[in-house]
Amino acid sequence: MHLTHRIALRPTPEQADYFKRACGTARRVWNWALAEWNRQYAAGQKPNAMALKRQFNAIKYSDPAWLDENGQPWLEGIHRDAHSQPFAHLQKAWKRFFKQIEEGARIAPQDKALRRKLREQGVKLAYPPTFKKKGKCRDSFYVANDKFSVSGQTIRLPKIGDVAMTESLRFEGKILGATVCRTADRWFVAIQVEVPDAVFCRPRKGNGVVGVDLGVKAAATLSTGEVIEAPKPLKAALRRLRIRSRRLSRKLEAAKVAAGFNPKGTLPKGARLPVSSNRQKSAQALARLHARIANIRADFIHKLTTRLCRENQAVVIEDLNVKGMLANERLARAISDVGFGMFRSQMEYKAQRYGTRLVFAERWYPSSRLCSVCGWKHETLTLGEREWTCPECGTHHDRDLNAAINLQRLATETALPVASPSGNGGAAAERVSAVVGKVTPVRDEHSHRDGSGQEENRAHFCALS
């Protein structure tokens, strides 16, 4: 099993300068490889990463485009891993693109408005690799496992020596590699480690079965009746975000005017604005605020998903169409602020660690419309109705709690039937009496147990080393 520990670094100014140059090297090599790939493909050839890498190695120390003003190869000052890994990343990106095409995806058009329209229509798009621009892409570079070492709160990297870390590496095992990246004005190293199962698995503290209904009003409503509110960091910081964005925008417009460009237009290709310390400070302040928002959201999701997997042997969630939900302009910001996609991805990998059975209810399962007491289905329930009363049994329901209870039942033998679009037509109100859809359990992928999962003895789950 593989685990990755992301640790903040405390580099000296000289080390931070090397990090910037290494990231710039990786970005420029990626752009060169992509341009060469496109040229060869247009010429009818079949490019591959290894051939491009050999071609680049033959010219990187002699081609004038890769020499400094003194005619010296500046790549000699950067470790080779930074300019060799982009070829493997490019190969992986093209494989993913062609795989999506084979699966029926449509090549994304160049027009952004047309792409947005196709996404709103539910058309799956495949995006080919694109060129990276400084300041518009993630700054990172790779270091192979045999080129660095970790000792306590220090990591020794090639070319620059020991770099201080804010904490020690948590996992013991075979180190597979590391990636140094930047978020706002902070540097991090993500170390990938291959660990034994005894270290990967974590013991659970409970054997509950819970249904989780995600929402905007409340981040999660559990079938136990507990309502968990989201911190909504974007909403809380939106005013400051707008102020800092306007500050940076004004400085950019002033720099364009000073350079003779249209302040409201885009810069011509290859044009560069004069360096401004105040503009850089303003950009860093905006980036720090964005990072803070992301950190608050990630901290909340991590704590929630860890708690759900640690305290329950089975968790049921809905298979939400997050991309489709984001097409709603009125709800897109609130949905993004909660982090539905992050919640699911973390639940998937943490369920493996805790031996928790993770069940997905299909997208058309009417969890909110089914009465959790008698099974009557409210066909006309709208999104604005937060509470409703069942005319069959007279039970008064909270919309989110009722949905969570219905989801919980999908993990038991007494689960209510699942409805699909083909079985929802007909009368305006009906009792669902037959299974007309499906539930997608992923127990084989996210559980280390056999049997029903109701065992009381948890000694065979996962043992800590």
Protein backbone atom coordinates (compact mmCIF):
# COMPACT_ATOMS: atom_id res chain seq x y z
CA MET A 1 0.00 0.00 0.00
CA HIS A 2 1.12 3.53 -0.79
CA LEU A 3 0.75 6.54 1.50
CA THR A 4 1.88 10.10 0.91
CA HIS A 5 2.88 12.56 3.63
CA ARG A 6 2.83 16.24 2.66
CA ILE A 7 5.19 18.24 4.86
CA ALA A 8 5.80 21.99 4.91
CA LEU A 9 9.40 23.10 4.32
CA ARG A 10 11.40 25.95 5.82
CA PRO A 11 13.93 26.72 3.10
CA THR A 12 16.53 29.45 3.23
CA PRO A 13 16.25 32.23 0.61
CA GLU A 14 18.91 30.49 -1.49
CA GLN A 15 17.07 27.17 -1.31
CA ALA A 16 13.74 28.84 -2.15
CA ASP A 17 15.42 30.42 -5.19
CA TYR A 18 16.60 26.98 -6.33
CA PHE A 19 13.05 25.63 -5.91
CA LYS A 20 11.72 28.38 -8.18
CA ARG A 21 14.34 27.68 -10.84
CA ALA A 22 13.68 23.92 -10.67
CA CYS A 23 9.94 24.49 -11.08
CA GLY A 24 10.62 26.80 -14.02
CA THR A 25 12.85 24.12 -15.56
CA ALA A 26 10.16 21.45 -15.24
CA ARG A 27 7.61 23.82 -16.78
CA ARG A 28 9.84 24.76 -19.73
CA VAL A 29 10.80 21.14 -20.45
CA TRP A 30 7.11 20.19 -20.41
CA ASN A 31 6.33 22.92 -22.95
CA TRP A 32 9.22 21.85 -25.18
CA ALA A 33 8.14 18.20 -25.04
CA LEU A 34 4.50 19.05 -25.79
CA ALA A 35 5.43 21.28 -28.73
CA GLU A 36 7.69 18.57 -30.15
CA TRP A 37 5.01 15.92 -29.56
CA ASN A 38 2.44 18.01 -31.45
CA ARG A 39 4.89 18.66 -34.30
CA GLN A 40 5.73 14.98 -34.73
CA TYR A 41 2.09 13.94 -34.47
CA ALA A 42 1.09 16.50 -37.14
CA ALA A 43 3.83 15.11 -39.37
CA GLY A 44 2.31 11.62 -39.19
CA GLN A 45 4.81 10.19 -36.71
CA LYS A 46 4.11 8.33 -33.49
CA PRO A 47 5.89 10.21 -30.70
CA ASN A 48 6.61 8.65 -27.34
CA ALA A 49 8.08 9.93 -24.11
CA MET A 50 11.32 7.95 -24.15
CA ALA A 51 12.21 9.04 -27.70
CA LEU A 52 11.51 12.67 -26.81
CA LYS A 53 13.65 12.35 -23.70
CA ARG A 54 16.60 10.99 -25.70
CA GLN A 55 16.14 13.78 -28.24
CA PHE A 56 16.16 16.38 -25.49
CA ASN A 57 19.22 14.90 -23.76
CA ALA A 58 21.14 15.24 -27.01
CA ILE A 59 20.58 19.01 -27.24
CA LYS A 60 20.06 20.28 -23.69
CA TYR A 61 23.72 21.23 -23.14
CA SER A 62 24.48 22.53 -26.64
CA ASP A 63 21.34 24.06 -28.17
CA PRO A 64 21.43 27.91 -28.01
CA ALA A 65 17.87 27.94 -26.66
CA TRP A 66 19.11 26.15 -23.51
CA LEU A 67 22.23 28.31 -22.91
CA ASP A 68 22.49 31.39 -20.72
CA GLU A 69 23.79 34.82 -21.76
CA ASN A 70 27.36 33.60 -21.25
CA GLY A 71 26.84 30.61 -23.53
CA GLN A 72 26.84 28.13 -20.64
CA PRO A 73 24.21 25.37 -20.19
CA TRP A 74 22.11 26.61 -17.28
CA LEU A 75 20.52 23.17 -16.87
CA GLU A 76 23.72 22.02 -15.17
CA GLY A 77 22.67 23.97 -12.09
CA ILE A 78 19.39 22.03 -11.82
CA HIS A 79 19.21 18.37 -10.84
CA ARG A 80 18.30 16.13 -13.77
CA ASP A 81 15.15 14.73 -12.14
CA ALA A 82 13.48 18.14 -12.55
CA HIS A 83 13.88 18.01 -16.35
CA SER A 84 13.43 14.26 -16.91
CA GLN A 85 10.12 13.58 -15.12
CA PRO A 86 8.00 15.92 -17.32
CA PHE A 87 8.34 13.42 -20.17
CA ALA A 88 6.73 10.66 -18.11
CA HIS A 89 3.99 13.06 -17.01
CA LEU A 90 3.32 14.02 -20.64
CA GLN A 91 3.08 10.37 -21.68
CA LYS A 92 0.58 9.75 -18.88
CA ALA A 93 -1.48 12.79 -19.86
CA TRP A 94 -1.77 11.65 -23.49
CA LYS A 95 -2.72 8.13 -22.43
CA ARG A 96 -5.49 9.51 -20.24
CA PHE A 97 -6.71 11.69 -23.12
CA PHE A 98 -6.88 8.87 -25.66
CA LYS A 99 -8.51 6.57 -23.12
CA GLN A 100 -11.28 9.12 -22.60
CA ILE A 101 -11.75 9.31 -26.38
CA GLU A 102 -12.08 5.53 -26.56
CA GLU A 103 -14.70 5.66 -23.81
CA GLY A 104 -16.85 7.97 -25.91
CA ALA A 105 -15.76 11.41 -24.75
CA ARG A 106 -15.74 14.29 -27.19
CA ILE A 107 -12.61 16.33 -27.83
CA ALA A 108 -13.03 19.65 -26.03
CA PRO A 109 -13.37 22.56 -28.51
CA GLN A 110 -11.14 25.62 -28.28
CA ASP A 111 -14.04 27.99 -27.68
CA LYS A 112 -14.60 28.29 -23.92
CA ALA A 113 -18.25 29.29 -24.30
CA LEU A 114 -18.93 26.22 -26.42
CA ARG A 115 -17.16 24.01 -23.87
CA ARG A 116 -19.30 25.43 -21.08
CA LYS A 117 -22.45 24.83 -23.13
CA LEU A 118 -21.49 21.22 -23.83
CA ARG A 119 -20.74 20.57 -20.16
CA GLU A 120 -24.13 21.97 -19.16
CA GLN A 121 -25.72 19.56 -21.65
CA GLY A 122 -23.98 16.65 -19.96
CA VAL A 123 -21.50 15.97 -22.77
CA LYS A 124 -18.32 14.32 -21.51
CA LEU A 125 -15.27 16.17 -22.81
CA ALA A 126 -11.68 15.00 -23.20
CA TYR A 127 -8.99 17.65 -22.74
CA PRO A 128 -5.59 17.17 -24.39
CA PRO A 129 -2.44 18.32 -22.56
CA THR A 130 -1.89 22.07 -22.73
CA PHE A 131 1.09 24.36 -22.40
CA LYS A 132 1.97 25.67 -18.95
CA LYS A 133 2.40 29.35 -18.21
CA LYS A 134 4.28 30.87 -15.32
CA GLY A 135 1.90 32.00 -12.63
CA LYS A 136 -0.99 30.04 -14.17
CA CYS A 137 0.04 26.50 -13.29
CA ARG A 138 1.12 24.52 -10.25
CA ASP A 139 4.82 24.95 -9.46
CA SER A 140 6.39 21.57 -8.70
CA PHE A 141 9.27 19.27 -9.56
CA TYR A 142 10.07 15.61 -8.88
CA VAL A 143 12.96 14.01 -6.99
CA ALA A 144 13.68 10.29 -7.34
CA ASN A 145 13.87 8.12 -4.22
CA ASP A 146 17.61 7.49 -4.54
CA LYS A 147 18.44 11.20 -4.78
CA PHE A 148 17.25 12.36 -1.36
CA SER A 149 17.21 11.16 2.22
CA VAL A 150 15.11 11.98 5.28
CA SER A 151 16.44 12.22 8.82
CA GLY A 152 14.15 13.54 11.53
CA GLN A 153 12.89 16.96 10.55
CA THR A 154 15.45 17.36 7.78
CA ILE A 155 15.40 16.29 4.15
CA ARG A 156 18.58 16.29 2.08
CA LEU A 157 17.90 17.26 -1.54
CA PRO A 158 20.39 17.25 -4.44
CA LYS A 159 22.19 20.49 -5.28
CA ILE A 160 21.07 22.35 -2.13
CA GLY A 161 21.70 19.98 0.77
CA ASP A 162 19.66 19.86 3.98
CA VAL A 163 16.27 21.57 4.08
CA ALA A 164 14.33 21.95 7.33
CA MET A 165 10.88 20.37 7.59
CA THR A 166 8.13 21.33 10.03
CA GLU A 167 7.61 17.71 11.12
CA SER A 168 9.11 14.26 10.71
CA LEU A 169 7.97 11.68 8.20
CA ARG A 170 5.06 9.77 9.76
CA PHE A 171 5.28 6.51 7.84
CA GLU A 172 7.97 3.87 7.95
CA GLY A 173 8.56 1.91 4.78
CA LYS A 174 10.16 2.07 1.36
CA ILE A 175 10.35 5.62 0.03
CA LEU A 176 9.23 5.73 -3.60
CA GLY A 177 9.80 9.37 -4.48
CA ALA A 178 9.07 12.98 -3.56
CA THR A 179 7.53 16.04 -5.16
CA VAL A 180 8.41 19.57 -4.07
CA CYS A 181 5.60 22.05 -4.73
CA ARG A 182 4.52 25.55 -3.82
CA THR A 183 1.20 26.76 -2.43
CA ALA A 184 0.98 30.55 -2.21
CA ASP A 185 4.37 31.54 -0.71
CA ARG A 186 4.97 28.26 1.14
CA TRP A 187 6.92 25.23 -0.04
CA PHE A 188 5.94 21.63 0.63
CA VAL A 189 7.39 18.20 -0.05
CA ALA A 190 5.08 15.23 -0.65
CA ILE A 191 6.90 11.97 0.11
CA GLN A 192 5.35 8.76 -1.20
CA VAL A 193 6.01 5.68 0.93
CA GLU A 194 5.19 2.03 0.39
CA VAL A 195 4.05 0.76 3.78
CA PRO A 196 3.05 -2.73 5.01
CA ASP A 197 -0.61 -3.51 5.57
CA ALA A 198 -0.16 -3.32 9.34
CA VAL A 199 0.80 0.35 9.00
CA PHE A 200 -1.73 1.17 6.28
CA CYS A 201 -4.72 -0.22 8.18
CA ARG A 202 -6.18 1.56 11.18
CA PRO A 203 -8.45 0.12 13.90
CA ARG A 204 -12.06 1.24 14.12
CA LYS A 205 -13.61 2.46 17.36
CA GLY A 206 -17.20 1.54 16.51
CA ASN A 207 -19.39 -0.79 14.47
CA GLY A 208 -22.24 1.52 13.55
CA VAL A 209 -24.10 1.75 10.24
CA VAL A 210 -24.82 5.31 9.14
CA GLY A 211 -26.37 7.08 6.19
CA VAL A 212 -24.96 10.47 5.22
CA ASP A 213 -26.97 13.04 3.29
CA LEU A 214 -24.79 15.84 1.94
CA GLY A 215 -26.29 19.27 1.47
CA VAL A 216 -25.68 22.98 1.19
CA LYS A 217 -27.68 24.15 4.21
CA ALA A 218 -25.91 21.56 6.38
CA ALA A 219 -22.74 19.91 5.17
CA ALA A 220 -23.89 16.48 6.34
CA THR A 221 -26.98 15.09 8.03
CA LEU A 222 -26.47 11.68 9.64
CA SER A 223 -29.13 9.04 10.06
CA THR A 224 -28.55 9.30 13.81
CA GLY A 225 -30.13 12.77 13.69
CA GLU A 226 -26.88 14.70 14.02
CA VAL A 227 -26.54 17.73 11.77
CA ILE A 228 -22.99 18.80 10.90
CA GLU A 229 -22.56 22.38 9.73
CA ALA A 230 -19.83 23.32 7.27
CA PRO A 231 -17.41 26.16 8.08
CA LYS A 232 -18.04 27.68 4.61
CA PRO A 233 -14.67 29.44 4.48
CA LEU A 234 -15.27 30.98 1.05
CA LYS A 235 -18.46 32.70 2.21
CA ALA A 236 -16.71 33.98 5.34
CA ALA A 237 -13.73 35.37 3.40
CA LEU A 238 -15.57 36.54 0.28
CA ARG A 239 -15.41 40.24 1.18
CA ARG A 240 -11.66 40.13 1.85
CA LEU A 241 -11.19 38.07 -1.31
CA ARG A 242 -12.92 40.69 -3.43
CA ILE A 243 -10.93 43.53 -1.84
CA ARG A 244 -7.58 41.84 -2.48
CA SER A 245 -8.61 40.86 -6.01
CA ARG A 246 -9.51 44.45 -6.83
CA ARG A 247 -6.20 45.68 -5.41
CA LEU A 248 -4.25 43.31 -7.62
CA SER A 249 -6.42 44.13 -10.63
CA ARG A 250 -5.77 47.87 -10.25
CA LYS A 251 -2.03 47.31 -10.04
CA LEU A 252 -2.10 45.13 -13.16
CA GLU A 253 -4.06 47.75 -15.10
CA ALA A 254 -1.62 50.46 -14.01
CA ALA A 255 1.32 48.32 -15.15
CA LYS A 256 -0.33 47.74 -18.53
CA VAL A 257 -0.87 51.47 -19.01
CA ALA A 258 2.75 52.21 -18.08
CA ALA A 259 3.90 49.62 -20.64
CA GLY A 260 1.65 51.04 -23.35
CA PHE A 261 -0.96 48.27 -23.47
CA ASN A 262 -4.73 48.36 -23.20
CA PRO A 263 -5.52 48.11 -19.46
CA LYS A 264 -8.64 46.01 -20.10
CA GLY A 265 -7.17 43.79 -22.82
CA THR A 266 -4.93 40.73 -22.76
CA LEU A 267 -1.19 41.03 -23.17
CA PRO A 268 0.28 40.14 -26.56
CA LYS A 269 2.12 36.84 -26.71
CA GLY A 270 5.64 37.21 -25.36
CA ALA A 271 4.98 40.59 -23.72
CA ARG A 272 6.20 41.10 -20.17
CA LEU A 273 5.16 43.72 -17.66
CA PRO A 274 7.81 45.54 -15.60
CA VAL A 275 8.56 43.98 -12.22
CA SER A 276 6.76 45.63 -9.32
CA SER A 277 7.34 44.75 -5.68
CA ASN A 278 3.94 46.08 -4.66
CA ARG A 279 2.22 43.99 -7.33
CA GLN A 280 4.07 40.89 -6.16
CA LYS A 281 3.08 41.57 -2.54
CA SER A 282 -0.53 42.03 -3.59
CA ALA A 283 -0.50 38.76 -5.55
CA GLN A 284 1.05 36.89 -2.62
CA ALA A 285 -1.58 38.28 -0.22
CA LEU A 286 -4.35 37.07 -2.53
CA ALA A 287 -2.71 33.66 -2.89
CA ARG A 288 -2.36 33.31 0.89
CA LEU A 289 -6.06 34.02 1.35
CA HIS A 290 -6.99 31.41 -1.27
CA ALA A 291 -4.70 28.90 0.46
CA ARG A 292 -6.28 29.65 3.83
CA ILE A 293 -9.76 29.03 2.43
CA ALA A 294 -8.65 25.73 0.91
CA ASN A 295 -6.93 24.67 4.15
CA ILE A 296 -10.01 25.33 6.29
CA ARG A 297 -12.19 23.34 3.91
CA ALA A 298 -9.73 20.45 3.71
CA ASP A 299 -9.33 20.36 7.50
CA PHE A 300 -13.10 20.08 7.97
CA ILE A 301 -13.51 17.36 5.33
CA HIS A 302 -10.57 15.37 6.71
CA LYS A 303 -11.93 15.39 10.25
CA LEU A 304 -15.45 14.50 9.13
CA THR A 305 -14.46 11.62 6.84
CA THR A 306 -12.00 10.21 9.39
CA ARG A 307 -14.68 10.23 12.06
CA LEU A 308 -17.25 8.51 9.82
CA CYS A 309 -14.85 5.74 8.80
CA ARG A 310 -13.42 5.27 12.30
CA GLU A 311 -16.78 4.98 14.07
CA ASN A 312 -18.79 2.92 11.55
CA GLN A 313 -18.49 -0.43 9.83
CA ALA A 314 -20.73 0.74 6.96
CA VAL A 315 -21.34 4.21 5.52
CA VAL A 316 -23.89 4.96 2.80
CA ILE A 317 -23.62 8.09 0.63
CA GLU A 318 -25.22 9.20 -2.61
CA ASP A 319 -23.46 9.05 -5.96
CA LEU A 320 -23.82 12.76 -6.61
CA ASN A 321 -23.28 14.32 -10.03
CA VAL A 322 -21.11 17.13 -8.73
CA LYS A 323 -20.22 18.52 -12.17
CA GLY A 324 -23.88 18.68 -13.11
CA MET A 325 -24.73 20.38 -9.82
CA LEU A 326 -22.03 23.00 -10.40
CA ALA A 327 -23.76 23.97 -13.65
CA ASN A 328 -26.44 25.62 -11.49
CA GLU A 329 -25.11 29.17 -11.16
CA ARG A 330 -27.17 29.84 -8.04
CA LEU A 331 -25.79 26.87 -6.12
CA ALA A 332 -22.32 26.42 -7.64
CA ARG A 333 -20.51 28.61 -5.12
CA ALA A 334 -22.24 27.06 -2.10
CA ILE A 335 -21.61 23.52 -3.36
CA SER A 336 -17.95 24.26 -4.01
CA ASP A 337 -17.63 25.83 -0.57
CA VAL A 338 -18.75 22.59 1.09
CA GLY A 339 -16.51 20.33 -1.02
CA PHE A 340 -18.68 17.42 -2.20
CA GLY A 341 -16.03 16.00 -4.53
CA MET A 342 -13.33 16.13 -1.86
CA PHE A 343 -15.67 14.36 0.59
CA ARG A 344 -16.18 11.38 -1.71
CA SER A 345 -12.52 10.95 -2.68
CA GLN A 346 -11.44 10.99 0.97
CA MET A 347 -14.17 8.56 1.98
CA GLU A 348 -13.01 6.12 -0.69
CA TYR A 349 -9.41 5.86 0.46
CA LYS A 350 -10.11 6.14 4.20
CA ALA A 351 -12.68 3.34 3.97
CA GLN A 352 -9.83 1.10 2.84
CA ARG A 353 -7.67 2.11 5.78
CA TYR A 354 -10.37 1.50 8.39
CA GLY A 355 -11.93 -1.57 6.78
CA THR A 356 -15.23 0.25 6.40
CA ARG A 357 -17.85 -0.84 3.91
CA LEU A 358 -18.70 2.09 1.65
CA VAL A 359 -22.00 1.96 -0.25
CA PHE A 360 -23.08 4.34 -3.00
CA ALA A 361 -26.77 4.87 -3.72
CA GLU A 362 -27.38 5.48 -7.41
CA ARG A 363 -28.06 9.01 -8.53
CA TRP A 364 -31.75 8.45 -9.16
CA TYR A 365 -32.48 6.92 -5.77
CA PRO A 366 -35.27 9.13 -4.25
CA SER A 367 -33.85 9.29 -0.74
CA SER A 368 -35.63 12.55 0.09
CA ARG A 369 -38.97 11.55 -1.42
CA LEU A 370 -39.42 8.16 0.22
CA CYS A 371 -41.07 8.02 3.60
CA SER A 372 -38.60 6.30 5.92
CA VAL A 373 -41.50 4.83 7.96
CA CYS A 374 -43.91 3.36 5.43
CA GLY A 375 -42.15 3.71 2.07
CA TRP A 376 -44.68 6.08 0.44
CA LYS A 377 -43.13 8.22 -2.29
CA HIS A 378 -43.67 11.99 -2.53
CA GLU A 379 -43.50 12.60 -6.28
CA THR A 380 -44.03 16.36 -6.16
CA LEU A 381 -41.44 17.22 -3.51
CA THR A 382 -39.46 20.30 -4.55
CA LEU A 383 -36.02 21.47 -3.49
CA GLY A 384 -37.51 24.34 -1.50
CA GLU A 385 -39.57 22.07 0.76
CA ARG A 386 -37.36 21.31 3.76
CA GLU A 387 -40.09 19.48 5.67
CA TRP A 388 -43.09 17.41 4.62
CA THR A 389 -45.75 15.13 6.13
CA CYS A 390 -46.48 11.67 4.77
CA PRO A 391 -50.20 11.39 3.88
CA GLU A 392 -50.01 7.60 4.22
CA CYS A 393 -48.79 7.27 7.81
CA GLY A 394 -48.88 10.89 9.01
CA THR A 395 -45.19 11.06 9.89
CA HIS A 396 -43.65 14.54 9.74
CA HIS A 397 -40.22 14.43 8.08
CA ASP A 398 -37.21 16.69 7.98
CA ARG A 399 -36.04 16.39 4.40
CA ASP A 400 -32.35 15.77 5.10
CA LEU A 401 -32.84 13.45 8.07
CA ASN A 402 -35.40 11.39 6.15
CA ALA A 403 -32.92 11.02 3.27
CA ALA A 404 -30.13 9.95 5.64
CA ILE A 405 -32.34 7.28 7.22
CA ASN A 406 -33.31 5.92 3.81
CA LEU A 407 -29.64 5.80 2.83
CA GLN A 408 -28.78 3.91 6.02
CA ARG A 409 -31.28 1.21 5.15
CA LEU A 410 -29.47 0.49 1.91
CA ALA A 411 -26.66 -1.08 3.96
CA THR A 412 -29.05 -3.47 5.72
CA GLU A 413 -31.26 -6.35 4.66
CA THR A 414 -34.35 -4.20 5.23
CA ALA A 415 -33.31 -1.59 2.68
CA LEU A 416 -36.12 0.21 0.90
CA PRO A 417 -36.42 -0.35 -2.85
CA VAL A 418 -34.30 1.79 -5.11
CA ALA A 419 -36.04 3.87 -7.75
CA SER A 420 -34.70 4.68 -11.19
CA PRO A 421 -36.04 7.13 -13.81
CA SER A 422 -37.87 4.35 -15.62
CA GLY A 423 -39.77 3.45 -12.46
CA ASN A 424 -40.71 6.95 -11.36
CA GLY A 425 -43.43 7.68 -13.88
CA GLY A 426 -47.12 7.15 -13.50
CA ALA A 427 -49.20 8.45 -10.64
CA ALA A 428 -48.20 11.54 -8.75
CA ALA A 429 -47.98 9.58 -5.51
CA GLU A 430 -47.29 5.90 -5.11
CA ARG A 431 -45.81 3.32 -2.81
CA VAL A 432 -42.63 1.79 -4.20
CA SER A 433 -43.13 -1.93 -3.79
CA ALA A 434 -40.54 -3.42 -6.11
CA VAL A 435 -36.85 -3.00 -6.74
CA VAL A 436 -36.55 -1.11 -10.00
CA GLY A 437 -33.03 0.26 -9.72
CA LYS A 438 -29.76 -0.69 -8.13
CA VAL A 439 -27.39 0.10 -5.30
CA THR A 440 -23.71 0.23 -6.09
CA PRO A 441 -21.78 -1.34 -3.20
CA VAL A 442 -18.00 -1.06 -3.31
CA ARG A 443 -17.30 -3.32 -0.39
CA ASP A 444 -14.76 -5.42 -2.26
CA GLU A 445 -12.69 -2.32 -2.95
CA HIS A 446 -13.03 -0.64 0.42
CA SER A 447 -13.14 -3.45 2.96
CA HIS A 448 -10.66 -6.01 4.24
CA ARG A 449 -13.27 -8.28 5.78
CA ASP A 450 -15.29 -11.26 4.69
CA GLY A 451 -18.78 -12.23 5.80
CA SER A 452 -21.62 -9.90 6.67
CA GLY A 453 -19.50 -7.23 8.34
CA GLN A 454 -21.46 -7.52 11.60
CA GLU A 455 -18.75 -9.27 13.58
CA GLU A 456 -18.20 -8.04 17.08
CA ASN A 457 -14.60 -9.14 17.32
CA ARG A 458 -12.46 -6.57 15.51
CA ALA A 459 -9.11 -8.19 16.18
CA HIS A 460 -8.83 -9.23 12.53
CA PHE A 461 -9.46 -5.77 11.08
CA CYS A 462 -6.14 -3.97 11.06
CA ALA A 463 -3.39 -4.11 13.64
CA LEU A 464 -1.00 -1.29 14.29
CA SER A 465 2.65 -2.13 14.15
